[in-house]
Full PDB file with SEQRES, HELIX, SHEET, SSBOND, CRYST1, ORIGX, SCALE, CONECT and MASTER records, all heavy atoms in Angstrom:
SEQRES   1 A   40  TYR VAL ASN SER THR LEU CYS ARG ILE GLY THR ASN ASN          
SEQRES   2 A   40  ASP ILE SER ILE ARG PHE CYS ARG LEU PRO SER GLN PHE          
SEQRES   3 A   40  SER SER PRO MET TRP ASN VAL HIS GLN THR THR LEU LEU          
SEQRES   4 A   40  ASP                                                          
HELIX    1 AA1 SER A   28  TRP A   31  1                                   4    
HELIX    2 AA2 HIS A   34  LEU A   38  1                                   5    
SHEET    1 AA1 2 LEU A   6  ILE A   9  0                                        
SHEET    2 AA1 2 ARG A  18  ARG A  21 -1                                        
SSBOND   1 CYS A    7    CYS A   20                          1555   1555  2.28  
CRYST1    1.000    1.000    1.000  90.00  90.00  90.00 P 1           1          
ORIGX1      1.000000  0.000000  0.000000        0.00000                         
ORIGX2      0.000000  1.000000  0.000000        0.00000                         
ORIGX3      0.000000  0.000000  1.000000        0.00000                         
SCALE1      1.000000  0.000000  0.000000        0.00000                         
SCALE2      0.000000  1.000000  0.000000        0.00000                         
SCALE3      0.000000  0.000000  1.000000        0.00000                         
ATOM      1  N   TYR A   1      78.360 122.039 111.130  1.00  0.00           N  
ATOM      2  CA  TYR A   1      79.766 122.342 110.869  1.00  0.00           C  
ATOM      3  C   TYR A   1      80.530 121.273 110.097  1.00  0.00           C  
ATOM      4  O   TYR A   1      81.475 121.605 109.368  1.00  0.00           O  
ATOM      5  CB  TYR A   1      80.517 122.587 112.171  1.00  0.00           C  
ATOM      6  CG  TYR A   1      80.064 123.833 112.887  1.00  0.00           C  
ATOM      7  CD1 TYR A   1      79.120 123.768 113.921  1.00  0.00           C  
ATOM      8  CD2 TYR A   1      80.538 125.079 112.528  1.00  0.00           C  
ATOM      9  CE1 TYR A   1      78.696 124.906 114.576  1.00  0.00           C  
ATOM     10  CE2 TYR A   1      80.127 126.219 113.189  1.00  0.00           C  
ATOM     11  CZ  TYR A   1      79.195 126.140 114.203  1.00  0.00           C  
ATOM     12  OH  TYR A   1      78.778 127.245 114.834  1.00  0.00           O  
ATOM     13  N   VAL A   2      80.186 120.016 110.222  1.00  0.00           N  
ATOM     14  CA  VAL A   2      81.035 118.949 109.669  1.00  0.00           C  
ATOM     15  C   VAL A   2      80.438 118.333 108.406  1.00  0.00           C  
ATOM     16  O   VAL A   2      80.941 118.513 107.304  1.00  0.00           O  
ATOM     17  CB  VAL A   2      81.350 117.883 110.719  1.00  0.00           C  
ATOM     18  CG1 VAL A   2      82.271 116.826 110.127  1.00  0.00           C  
ATOM     19  CG2 VAL A   2      81.990 118.517 111.935  1.00  0.00           C  
ATOM     20  N   ASN A   3      79.408 117.562 108.569  1.00  0.00           N  
ATOM     21  CA  ASN A   3      78.859 116.775 107.442  1.00  0.00           C  
ATOM     22  C   ASN A   3      77.605 117.361 106.818  1.00  0.00           C  
ATOM     23  O   ASN A   3      77.085 116.793 105.889  1.00  0.00           O  
ATOM     24  CB  ASN A   3      78.564 115.336 107.914  1.00  0.00           C  
ATOM     25  CG  ASN A   3      79.813 114.579 108.184  1.00  0.00           C  
ATOM     26  OD1 ASN A   3      80.744 114.624 107.412  1.00  0.00           O  
ATOM     27  ND2 ASN A   3      79.876 113.881 109.307  1.00  0.00           N  
ATOM     28  N   SER A   4      77.125 118.429 107.338  1.00  0.00           N  
ATOM     29  CA  SER A   4      75.892 119.079 106.832  1.00  0.00           C  
ATOM     30  C   SER A   4      74.688 118.175 107.052  1.00  0.00           C  
ATOM     31  O   SER A   4      74.730 117.200 107.762  1.00  0.00           O  
ATOM     32  CB  SER A   4      76.032 119.520 105.398  1.00  0.00           C  
ATOM     33  OG  SER A   4      76.066 118.421 104.520  1.00  0.00           O  
ATOM     34  N   THR A   5      73.604 118.501 106.375  1.00  0.00           N  
ATOM     35  CA  THR A   5      72.360 117.730 106.536  1.00  0.00           C  
ATOM     36  C   THR A   5      71.975 117.107 105.214  1.00  0.00           C  
ATOM     37  O   THR A   5      72.429 117.502 104.148  1.00  0.00           O  
ATOM     38  CB  THR A   5      71.225 118.646 107.012  1.00  0.00           C  
ATOM     39  OG1 THR A   5      71.079 119.709 106.074  1.00  0.00           O  
ATOM     40  CG2 THR A   5      71.484 119.196 108.382  1.00  0.00           C  
ATOM     41  N   LEU A   6      71.139 116.092 105.298  1.00  0.00           N  
ATOM     42  CA  LEU A   6      70.636 115.428 104.120  1.00  0.00           C  
ATOM     43  C   LEU A   6      69.323 116.064 103.678  1.00  0.00           C  
ATOM     44  O   LEU A   6      68.540 116.494 104.506  1.00  0.00           O  
ATOM     45  CB  LEU A   6      70.384 113.946 104.373  1.00  0.00           C  
ATOM     46  CG  LEU A   6      71.625 113.090 104.640  1.00  0.00           C  
ATOM     47  CD1 LEU A   6      71.195 111.706 105.087  1.00  0.00           C  
ATOM     48  CD2 LEU A   6      72.515 113.036 103.436  1.00  0.00           C  
ATOM     49  N   CYS A   7      69.114 116.127 102.368  1.00  0.00           N  
ATOM     50  CA  CYS A   7      67.823 116.570 101.874  1.00  0.00           C  
ATOM     51  C   CYS A   7      67.279 115.457 100.970  1.00  0.00           C  
ATOM     52  O   CYS A   7      68.029 114.768 100.293  1.00  0.00           O  
ATOM     53  CB  CYS A   7      67.933 117.895 101.118  1.00  0.00           C  
ATOM     54  SG  CYS A   7      68.816 117.821  99.573  1.00  0.00           S  
ATOM     55  N   ARG A   8      65.998 115.328 100.979  1.00  0.00           N  
ATOM     56  CA  ARG A   8      65.343 114.288 100.173  1.00  0.00           C  
ATOM     57  C   ARG A   8      65.093 114.838  98.784  1.00  0.00           C  
ATOM     58  O   ARG A   8      64.596 115.947  98.613  1.00  0.00           O  
ATOM     59  CB  ARG A   8      64.053 113.863 100.822  1.00  0.00           C  
ATOM     60  CG  ARG A   8      63.338 112.728 100.120  1.00  0.00           C  
ATOM     61  CD  ARG A   8      62.097 112.362 100.872  1.00  0.00           C  
ATOM     62  NE  ARG A   8      61.376 111.364 100.080  1.00  0.00           N  
ATOM     63  CZ  ARG A   8      60.319 110.712 100.521  1.00  0.00           C  
ATOM     64  NH1 ARG A   8      59.865 110.951 101.737  1.00  0.00           N  
ATOM     65  NH2 ARG A   8      59.714 109.847  99.746  1.00  0.00           N  
ATOM     66  N   ILE A   9      65.405 114.045  97.795  1.00  0.00           N  
ATOM     67  CA  ILE A   9      65.160 114.417  96.397  1.00  0.00           C  
ATOM     68  C   ILE A   9      63.937 113.652  95.920  1.00  0.00           C  
ATOM     69  O   ILE A   9      63.877 112.420  96.047  1.00  0.00           O  
ATOM     70  CB  ILE A   9      66.358 114.063  95.493  1.00  0.00           C  
ATOM     71  CG1 ILE A   9      67.603 114.804  95.976  1.00  0.00           C  
ATOM     72  CG2 ILE A   9      66.071 114.399  94.053  1.00  0.00           C  
ATOM     73  CD1 ILE A   9      68.860 114.414  95.248  1.00  0.00           C  
ATOM     74  N   GLY A  10      62.962 114.363  95.429  1.00  0.00           N  
ATOM     75  CA  GLY A  10      61.735 113.717  94.953  1.00  0.00           C  
ATOM     76  C   GLY A  10      62.002 112.845  93.758  1.00  0.00           C  
ATOM     77  O   GLY A  10      62.855 113.118  92.917  1.00  0.00           O  
ATOM     78  N   THR A  11      61.274 111.743  93.685  1.00  0.00           N  
ATOM     79  CA  THR A  11      61.384 110.838  92.552  1.00  0.00           C  
ATOM     80  C   THR A  11      59.987 110.618  91.947  1.00  0.00           C  
ATOM     81  O   THR A  11      58.994 110.943  92.580  1.00  0.00           O  
ATOM     82  CB  THR A  11      61.986 109.480  92.963  1.00  0.00           C  
ATOM     83  OG1 THR A  11      61.159 108.910  93.982  1.00  0.00           O  
ATOM     84  CG2 THR A  11      63.417 109.641  93.520  1.00  0.00           C  
ATOM     85  N   ASN A  12      59.963 110.039  90.778  1.00  0.00           N  
ATOM     86  CA  ASN A  12      58.676 109.825  90.108  1.00  0.00           C  
ATOM     87  C   ASN A  12      57.920 108.613  90.663  1.00  0.00           C  
ATOM     88  O   ASN A  12      56.722 108.521  90.461  1.00  0.00           O  
ATOM     89  CB  ASN A  12      58.916 109.616  88.607  1.00  0.00           C  
ATOM     90  CG  ASN A  12      59.393 110.892  87.974  1.00  0.00           C  
ATOM     91  OD1 ASN A  12      59.187 111.968  88.496  1.00  0.00           O  
ATOM     92  ND2 ASN A  12      60.077 110.754  86.836  1.00  0.00           N  
ATOM     93  N   ASN A  13      58.589 107.735  91.348  1.00  0.00           N  
ATOM     94  CA  ASN A  13      57.880 106.591  91.925  1.00  0.00           C  
ATOM     95  C   ASN A  13      58.076 106.597  93.436  1.00  0.00           C  
ATOM     96  O   ASN A  13      58.975 107.234  93.966  1.00  0.00           O  
ATOM     97  CB  ASN A  13      58.355 105.272  91.303  1.00  0.00           C  
ATOM     98  CG  ASN A  13      59.831 105.061  91.495  1.00  0.00           C  
ATOM     99  OD1 ASN A  13      60.378 105.445  92.488  1.00  0.00           O  
ATOM    100  ND2 ASN A  13      60.467 104.434  90.528  1.00  0.00           N  
ATOM    101  N   ASP A  14      57.241 105.896  94.121  1.00  0.00           N  
ATOM    102  CA  ASP A  14      57.298 105.854  95.584  1.00  0.00           C  
ATOM    103  C   ASP A  14      58.251 104.831  96.118  1.00  0.00           C  
ATOM    104  O   ASP A  14      58.457 104.724  97.329  1.00  0.00           O  
ATOM    105  CB  ASP A  14      55.899 105.587  96.151  1.00  0.00           C  
ATOM    106  CG  ASP A  14      54.967 106.720  95.877  1.00  0.00           C  
ATOM    107  OD1 ASP A  14      55.419 107.860  95.750  1.00  0.00           O  
ATOM    108  OD2 ASP A  14      53.750 106.439  95.750  1.00  0.00           O  
ATOM    109  N   ILE A  15      58.856 104.021  95.261  1.00  0.00           N  
ATOM    110  CA  ILE A  15      59.707 102.925  95.697  1.00  0.00           C  
ATOM    111  C   ILE A  15      61.121 103.406  96.038  1.00  0.00           C  
ATOM    112  O   ILE A  15      61.677 103.048  97.054  1.00  0.00           O  
ATOM    113  CB  ILE A  15      59.779 101.806  94.638  1.00  0.00           C  
ATOM    114  CG1 ILE A  15      58.394 101.219  94.481  1.00  0.00           C  
ATOM    115  CG2 ILE A  15      60.792 100.739  95.031  1.00  0.00           C  
ATOM    116  CD1 ILE A  15      58.258 100.236  93.324  1.00  0.00           C  
ATOM    117  N   SER A  16      61.671 104.268  95.237  1.00  0.00           N  
ATOM    118  CA  SER A  16      63.041 104.707  95.477  1.00  0.00           C  
ATOM    119  C   SER A  16      63.065 106.117  96.092  1.00  0.00           C  
ATOM    120  O   SER A  16      62.258 106.964  95.742  1.00  0.00           O  
ATOM    121  CB  SER A  16      63.846 104.713  94.153  1.00  0.00           C  
ATOM    122  OG  SER A  16      63.310 105.667  93.282  1.00  0.00           O  
ATOM    123  N   ILE A  17      63.967 106.269  97.004  1.00  0.00           N  
ATOM    124  CA  ILE A  17      64.169 107.563  97.655  1.00  0.00           C  
ATOM    125  C   ILE A  17      65.640 107.964  97.460  1.00  0.00           C  
ATOM    126  O   ILE A  17      66.522 107.131  97.707  1.00  0.00           O  
ATOM    127  CB  ILE A  17      63.854 107.500  99.169  1.00  0.00           C  
ATOM    128  CG1 ILE A  17      62.399 107.112  99.370  1.00  0.00           C  
ATOM    129  CG2 ILE A  17      64.138 108.834  99.829  1.00  0.00           C  
ATOM    130  CD1 ILE A  17      62.030 106.846 100.804  1.00  0.00           C  
ATOM    131  N   ARG A  18      65.889 109.159  97.052  1.00  0.00           N  
ATOM    132  CA  ARG A  18      67.242 109.640  96.885  1.00  0.00           C  
ATOM    133  C   ARG A  18      67.495 110.803  97.843  1.00  0.00           C  
ATOM    134  O   ARG A  18      66.585 111.561  98.152  1.00  0.00           O  
ATOM    135  CB  ARG A  18      67.509 110.077  95.463  1.00  0.00           C  
ATOM    136  CG  ARG A  18      67.409 108.956  94.457  1.00  0.00           C  
ATOM    137  CD  ARG A  18      67.715 109.356  93.040  1.00  0.00           C  
ATOM    138  NE  ARG A  18      67.986 110.794  92.879  1.00  0.00           N  
ATOM    139  CZ  ARG A  18      67.872 111.427  91.720  1.00  0.00           C  
ATOM    140  NH1 ARG A  18      67.521 110.788  90.660  1.00  0.00           N  
ATOM    141  NH2 ARG A  18      68.148 112.703  91.636  1.00  0.00           N  
ATOM    142  N   PHE A  19      68.743 110.934  98.260  1.00  0.00           N  
ATOM    143  CA  PHE A  19      69.128 112.000  99.161  1.00  0.00           C  
ATOM    144  C   PHE A  19      70.323 112.715  98.597  1.00  0.00           C  
ATOM    145  O   PHE A  19      71.112 112.158  97.847  1.00  0.00           O  
ATOM    146  CB  PHE A  19      69.477 111.448 100.563  1.00  0.00           C  
ATOM    147  CG  PHE A  19      68.307 110.888 101.300  1.00  0.00           C  
ATOM    148  CD1 PHE A  19      68.020 109.545 101.240  1.00  0.00           C  
ATOM    149  CD2 PHE A  19      67.505 111.694 102.052  1.00  0.00           C  
ATOM    150  CE1 PHE A  19      66.956 109.016 101.938  1.00  0.00           C  
ATOM    151  CE2 PHE A  19      66.421 111.190 102.759  1.00  0.00           C  
ATOM    152  CZ  PHE A  19      66.138 109.856 102.678  1.00  0.00           C  
ATOM    153  N   CYS A  20      70.445 113.969  98.953  1.00  0.00           N  
ATOM    154  CA  CYS A  20      71.667 114.741  98.618  1.00  0.00           C  
ATOM    155  C   CYS A  20      72.117 115.392  99.927  1.00  0.00           C  
ATOM    156  O   CYS A  20      71.357 115.562 100.858  1.00  0.00           O  
ATOM    157  CB  CYS A  20      71.397 115.755  97.535  1.00  0.00           C  
ATOM    158  SG  CYS A  20      70.370 117.125  98.061  1.00  0.00           S  
ATOM    159  N   ARG A  21      73.376 115.754  99.967  1.00  0.00           N  
ATOM    160  CA  ARG A  21      73.909 116.440 101.122  1.00  0.00           C  
ATOM    161  C   ARG A  21      74.035 117.895 100.816  1.00  0.00           C  
ATOM    162  O   ARG A  21      74.641 118.321  99.874  1.00  0.00           O  
ATOM    163  CB  ARG A  21      75.282 115.854 101.477  1.00  0.00           C  
ATOM    164  CG  ARG A  21      75.505 115.853 102.952  1.00  0.00           C  
ATOM    165  CD  ARG A  21      76.702 115.066 103.366  1.00  0.00           C  
ATOM    166  NE  ARG A  21      76.434 113.761 103.904  1.00  0.00           N  
ATOM    167  CZ  ARG A  21      75.831 113.518 105.043  1.00  0.00           C  
ATOM    168  NH1 ARG A  21      75.373 114.491 105.768  1.00  0.00           N  
ATOM    169  NH2 ARG A  21      75.663 112.292 105.468  1.00  0.00           N  
ATOM    170  N   LEU A  22      73.395 118.715 101.666  1.00  0.00           N  
ATOM    171  CA  LEU A  22      73.500 120.160 101.523  1.00  0.00           C  
ATOM    172  C   LEU A  22      74.872 120.593 102.054  1.00  0.00           C  
ATOM    173  O   LEU A  22      75.442 119.981 102.926  1.00  0.00           O  
ATOM    174  CB  LEU A  22      72.407 120.867 102.344  1.00  0.00           C  
ATOM    175  CG  LEU A  22      70.984 120.555 101.913  1.00  0.00           C  
ATOM    176  CD1 LEU A  22      70.003 121.161 102.901  1.00  0.00           C  
ATOM    177  CD2 LEU A  22      70.711 121.100 100.525  1.00  0.00           C  
ATOM    178  N   PRO A  23      75.397 121.687 101.528  1.00  0.00           N  
ATOM    179  CA  PRO A  23      76.694 122.181 102.017  1.00  0.00           C  
ATOM    180  C   PRO A  23      76.571 122.619 103.477  1.00  0.00           C  
ATOM    181  O   PRO A  23      75.508 123.075 103.913  1.00  0.00           O  
ATOM    182  CB  PRO A  23      77.041 123.346 101.130  1.00  0.00           C  
ATOM    183  CG  PRO A  23      75.878 123.587 100.235  1.00  0.00           C  
ATOM    184  CD  PRO A  23      74.890 122.476 100.425  1.00  0.00           C  
ATOM    185  N   SER A  24      77.662 122.469 104.219  1.00  0.00           N  
ATOM    186  CA  SER A  24      77.661 122.916 105.590  1.00  0.00           C  
ATOM    187  C   SER A  24      77.422 124.429 105.658  1.00  0.00           C  
ATOM    188  O   SER A  24      77.829 125.157 104.768  1.00  0.00           O  
ATOM    189  CB  SER A  24      79.009 122.601 106.271  1.00  0.00           C  
ATOM    190  OG  SER A  24      79.215 121.211 106.281  1.00  0.00           O  
ATOM    191  N   GLN A  25      76.792 124.850 106.732  1.00  0.00           N  
ATOM    192  CA  GLN A  25      76.523 126.295 106.880  1.00  0.00           C  
ATOM    193  C   GLN A  25      77.816 127.099 107.071  1.00  0.00           C  
ATOM    194  O   GLN A  25      77.907 128.232 106.670  1.00  0.00           O  
ATOM    195  CB  GLN A  25      75.580 126.540 108.033  1.00  0.00           C  
ATOM    196  CG  GLN A  25      74.181 126.033 107.770  1.00  0.00           C  
ATOM    197  CD  GLN A  25      73.247 126.385 108.906  1.00  0.00           C  
ATOM    198  OE1 GLN A  25      73.521 127.256 109.721  1.00  0.00           O  
ATOM    199  NE2 GLN A  25      72.124 125.670 108.974  1.00  0.00           N  
ATOM    200  N   PHE A  26      78.801 126.479 107.725  1.00  0.00           N  
ATOM    201  CA  PHE A  26      80.060 127.144 107.978  1.00  0.00           C  
ATOM    202  C   PHE A  26      81.186 126.215 107.512  1.00  0.00           C  
ATOM    203  O   PHE A  26      81.285 125.106 107.956  1.00  0.00           O  
ATOM    204  CB  PHE A  26      80.233 127.473 109.446  1.00  0.00           C  
ATOM    205  CG  PHE A  26      79.107 128.299 109.998  1.00  0.00           C  
ATOM    206  CD1 PHE A  26      78.081 127.737 110.693  1.00  0.00           C  
ATOM    207  CD2 PHE A  26      79.113 129.670 109.798  1.00  0.00           C  
ATOM    208  CE1 PHE A  26      77.037 128.499 111.202  1.00  0.00           C  
ATOM    209  CE2 PHE A  26      78.088 130.462 110.289  1.00  0.00           C  
ATOM    210  CZ  PHE A  26      77.048 129.886 110.991  1.00  0.00           C  
ATOM    211  N   SER A  27      82.063 126.710 106.628  1.00  0.00           N  
ATOM    212  CA  SER A  27      83.154 125.863 106.139  1.00  0.00           C  
ATOM    213  C   SER A  27      84.175 125.624 107.231  1.00  0.00           C  
ATOM    214  O   SER A  27      84.328 126.436 108.148  1.00  0.00           O  
ATOM    215  CB  SER A  27      83.805 126.550 104.939  1.00  0.00           C  
ATOM    216  OG  SER A  27      84.398 127.775 105.332  1.00  0.00           O  
ATOM    217  N   SER A  28      84.902 124.542 107.127  1.00  0.00           N  
ATOM    218  CA  SER A  28      85.904 124.198 108.129  1.00  0.00           C  
ATOM    219  C   SER A  28      86.949 125.297 108.349  1.00  0.00           C  
ATOM    220  O   SER A  28      87.294 125.593 109.487  1.00  0.00           O  
ATOM    221  CB  SER A  28      86.602 122.888 107.769  1.00  0.00           C  
ATOM    222  OG  SER A  28      85.693 121.827 107.795  1.00  0.00           O  
ATOM    223  N   PRO A  29      87.474 125.916 107.285  1.00  0.00           N  
ATOM    224  CA  PRO A  29      88.460 126.988 107.522  1.00  0.00           C  
ATOM    225  C   PRO A  29      87.894 128.144 108.347  1.00  0.00           C  
ATOM    226  O   PRO A  29      88.641 128.865 109.003  1.00  0.00           O  
ATOM    227  CB  PRO A  29      88.835 127.460 106.135  1.00  0.00           C  
ATOM    228  CG  PRO A  29      88.539 126.298 105.241  1.00  0.00           C  
ATOM    229  CD  PRO A  29      87.344 125.633 105.868  1.00  0.00           C  
ATOM    230  N   MET A  30      86.593 128.329 108.346  1.00  0.00           N  
ATOM    231  CA  MET A  30      85.996 129.422 109.095  1.00  0.00           C  
ATOM    232  C   MET A  30      86.039 129.165 110.596  1.00  0.00           C  
ATOM    233  O   MET A  30      86.282 130.082 111.387  1.00  0.00           O  
ATOM    234  CB  MET A  30      84.561 129.682 108.669  1.00  0.00           C  
ATOM    235  CG  MET A  30      83.891 130.820 109.392  1.00  0.00           C  
ATOM    236  SD  MET A  30      82.202 131.057 108.898  1.00  0.00           S  
ATOM    237  CE  MET A  30      82.443 131.821 107.295  1.00  0.00           C  
ATOM    238  N   TRP A  31      85.893 127.916 111.025  1.00  0.00           N  
ATOM    239  CA  TRP A  31      85.814 127.644 112.459  1.00  0.00           C  
ATOM    240  C   TRP A  31      86.967 126.821 113.003  1.00  0.00           C  
ATOM    241  O   TRP A  31      87.213 126.795 114.209  1.00  0.00           O  
ATOM    242  CB  TRP A  31      84.498 126.960 112.821  1.00  0.00           C  
ATOM    243  CG  TRP A  31      84.228 125.682 112.123  1.00  0.00           C  
ATOM    244  CD1 TRP A  31      83.484 125.533 110.993  1.00  0.00           C  
ATOM    245  CD2 TRP A  31      84.670 124.365 112.491  1.00  0.00           C  
ATOM    246  NE1 TRP A  31      83.460 124.205 110.632  1.00  0.00           N  
ATOM    247  CE2 TRP A  31      84.154 123.476 111.528  1.00  0.00           C  
ATOM    248  CE3 TRP A  31      85.430 123.866 113.503  1.00  0.00           C  
ATOM    249  CZ2 TRP A  31      84.402 122.111 111.576  1.00  0.00           C  
ATOM    250  CZ3 TRP A  31      85.690 122.494 113.565  1.00  0.00           C  
ATOM    251  CH2 TRP A  31      85.157 121.657 112.599  1.00  0.00           C  
ATOM    252  N   ASN A  32      87.715 126.156 112.157  1.00  0.00           N  
ATOM    253  CA  ASN A  32      88.795 125.283 112.588  1.00  0.00           C  
ATOM    254  C   ASN A  32      90.092 126.068 112.710  1.00  0.00           C  
ATOM    255  O   ASN A  32      90.543 126.692 111.764  1.00  0.00           O  
ATOM    256  CB  ASN A  32      88.966 124.122 111.582  1.00  0.00           C  
ATOM    257  CG  ASN A  32      89.886 123.070 112.091  1.00  0.00           C  
ATOM    258  OD1 ASN A  32      90.814 123.333 112.829  1.00  0.00           O  
ATOM    259  ND2 ASN A  32      89.647 121.834 111.672  1.00  0.00           N  
ATOM    260  N   VAL A  33      90.720 126.057 113.886  1.00  0.00           N  
ATOM    261  CA  VAL A  33      91.942 126.785 114.098  1.00  0.00           C  
ATOM    262  C   VAL A  33      93.170 125.869 114.177  1.00  0.00           C  
ATOM    263  O   VAL A  33      94.228 126.264 114.657  1.00  0.00           O  
ATOM    264  CB  VAL A  33      91.844 127.657 115.374  1.00  0.00           C  
ATOM    265  CG1 VAL A  33      90.830 128.744 115.204  1.00  0.00           C  
ATOM    266  CG2 VAL A  33      91.551 126.821 116.592  1.00  0.00           C  
ATOM    267  N   HIS A  34      93.046 124.649 113.677  1.00  0.00           N  
ATOM    268  CA  HIS A  34      94.154 123.675 113.730  1.00  0.00           C  
ATOM    269  C   HIS A  34      95.400 124.187 113.005  1.00  0.00           C  
ATOM    270  O   HIS A  34      96.499 124.209 113.574  1.00  0.00           O  
ATOM    271  CB  HIS A  34      93.716 122.339 113.127  1.00  0.00           C  
ATOM    272  CG  HIS A  34      94.818 121.339 113.063  1.00  0.00           C  
ATOM    273  ND1 HIS A  34      95.286 120.680 114.197  1.00  0.00           N  
ATOM    274  CD2 HIS A  34      95.555 120.885 112.029  1.00  0.00           C  
ATOM    275  CE1 HIS A  34      96.271 119.852 113.825  1.00  0.00           C  
ATOM    276  NE2 HIS A  34      96.439 119.964 112.548  1.00  0.00           N  
ATOM    277  N   GLN A  35      95.240 124.663 111.768  1.00  0.00           N  
ATOM    278  CA  GLN A  35      96.393 125.115 110.990  1.00  0.00           C  
ATOM    279  C   GLN A  35      97.037 126.341 111.614  1.00  0.00           C  
ATOM    280  O   GLN A  35      98.252 126.451 111.681  1.00  0.00           O  
ATOM    281  CB  GLN A  35      95.979 125.404 109.526  1.00  0.00           C  
ATOM    282  CG  GLN A  35      97.149 125.687 108.616  1.00  0.00           C  
ATOM    283  CD  GLN A  35      98.102 124.498 108.463  1.00  0.00           C  
ATOM    284  OE1 GLN A  35      97.692 123.341 108.474  1.00  0.00           O  
ATOM    285  NE2 GLN A  35      99.374 124.791 108.366  1.00  0.00           N  
ATOM    286  N   THR A  36      96.234 127.274 112.082  1.00  0.00           N  
ATOM    287  CA  THR A  36      96.804 128.472 112.714  1.00  0.00           C  
ATOM    288  C   THR A  36      97.530 128.114 114.008  1.00  0.00           C  
ATOM    289  O   THR A  36      98.515 128.760 114.345  1.00  0.00           O  
ATOM    290  CB  THR A  36      95.713 129.537 112.981  1.00  0.00           C  
ATOM    291  OG1 THR A  36      94.716 128.983 113.815  1.00  0.00           O  
ATOM    292  CG2 THR A  36      95.099 130.044 111.719  1.00  0.00           C  
ATOM    293  N   THR A  37      97.072 127.107 114.709  1.00  0.00           N  
ATOM    294  CA  THR A  37      97.770 126.646 115.907  1.00  0.00           C  
ATOM    295  C   THR A  37      99.122 126.075 115.544  1.00  0.00           C  
ATOM    296  O   THR A  37     100.127 126.373 116.225  1.00  0.00           O  
ATOM    297  CB  THR A  37      96.929 125.586 116.659  1.00  0.00           C  
ATOM    298  OG1 THR A  37      95.660 126.180 116.980  1.00  0.00           O  
ATOM    299  CG2 THR A  37      97.625 125.138 117.916  1.00  0.00           C  
ATOM    300  N   LEU A  38      99.193 125.281 114.485  1.00  0.00           N  
ATOM    301  CA  LEU A  38     100.476 124.723 114.040  1.00  0.00           C  
ATOM    302  C   LEU A  38     101.466 125.815 113.620  1.00  0.00           C  
ATOM    303  O   LEU A  38     102.649 125.667 113.804  1.00  0.00           O  
ATOM    304  CB  LEU A  38     100.253 123.749 112.873  1.00  0.00           C  
ATOM    305  CG  LEU A  38      99.485 122.473 113.185  1.00  0.00           C  
ATOM    306  CD1 LEU A  38      99.285 121.641 111.928  1.00  0.00           C  
ATOM    307  CD2 LEU A  38     100.203 121.657 114.239  1.00  0.00           C  
ATOM    308  N   LEU A  39     100.918 126.899 113.067  1.00  0.00           N  
ATOM    309  CA  LEU A  39     101.771 128.015 112.630  1.00  0.00           C  
ATOM    310  C   LEU A  39     102.042 129.011 113.732  1.00  0.00           C  
ATOM    311  O   LEU A  39     102.662 130.048 113.506  1.00  0.00           O  
ATOM    312  CB  LEU A  39     101.102 128.712 111.431  1.00  0.00           C  
ATOM    313  CG  LEU A  39     100.897 127.862 110.184  1.00  0.00           C  
ATOM    314  CD1 LEU A  39     100.097 128.624 109.144  1.00  0.00           C  
ATOM    315  CD2 LEU A  39     102.255 127.442 109.610  1.00  0.00           C  
ATOM    316  N   ASP A  40     101.589 128.713 114.941  1.00  0.00           N  
ATOM    317  CA  ASP A  40     101.725 129.601 116.110  1.00  0.00           C  
ATOM    318  C   ASP A  40     101.128 130.958 115.855  1.00  0.00           C  
ATOM    319  O   ASP A  40     101.668 131.976 116.275  1.00  0.00           O  
ATOM    320  CB  ASP A  40     103.192 129.687 116.534  1.00  0.00           C  
ATOM    321  CG  ASP A  40     103.338 130.169 117.973  1.00  0.00           C  
ATOM    322  OD1 ASP A  40     102.386 129.916 118.752  1.00  0.00           O  
ATOM    323  OD2 ASP A  40     104.357 130.789 118.292  1.00  0.00           O  
TER     324      ASP A  40                                                      
CONECT   54  158                                                                
CONECT  158   54                                                                
MASTER        0    0    0    2    2    0    0    6  323    1    2    4          
END                                                                             
C-alpha cells in the first residue's frame, strides 16, 4: 500500500546492481480515508 516493492534491474557487469520501485498495487486515494474524514 505505501512504498511498493523493489525490483532488480539487470546490468551488464556483476559489480553494480540497480533497483527500481514498482508502483504500489493500490493507490493511496483508494484506501486512505483521511480527506473524506476531514470533509465529514
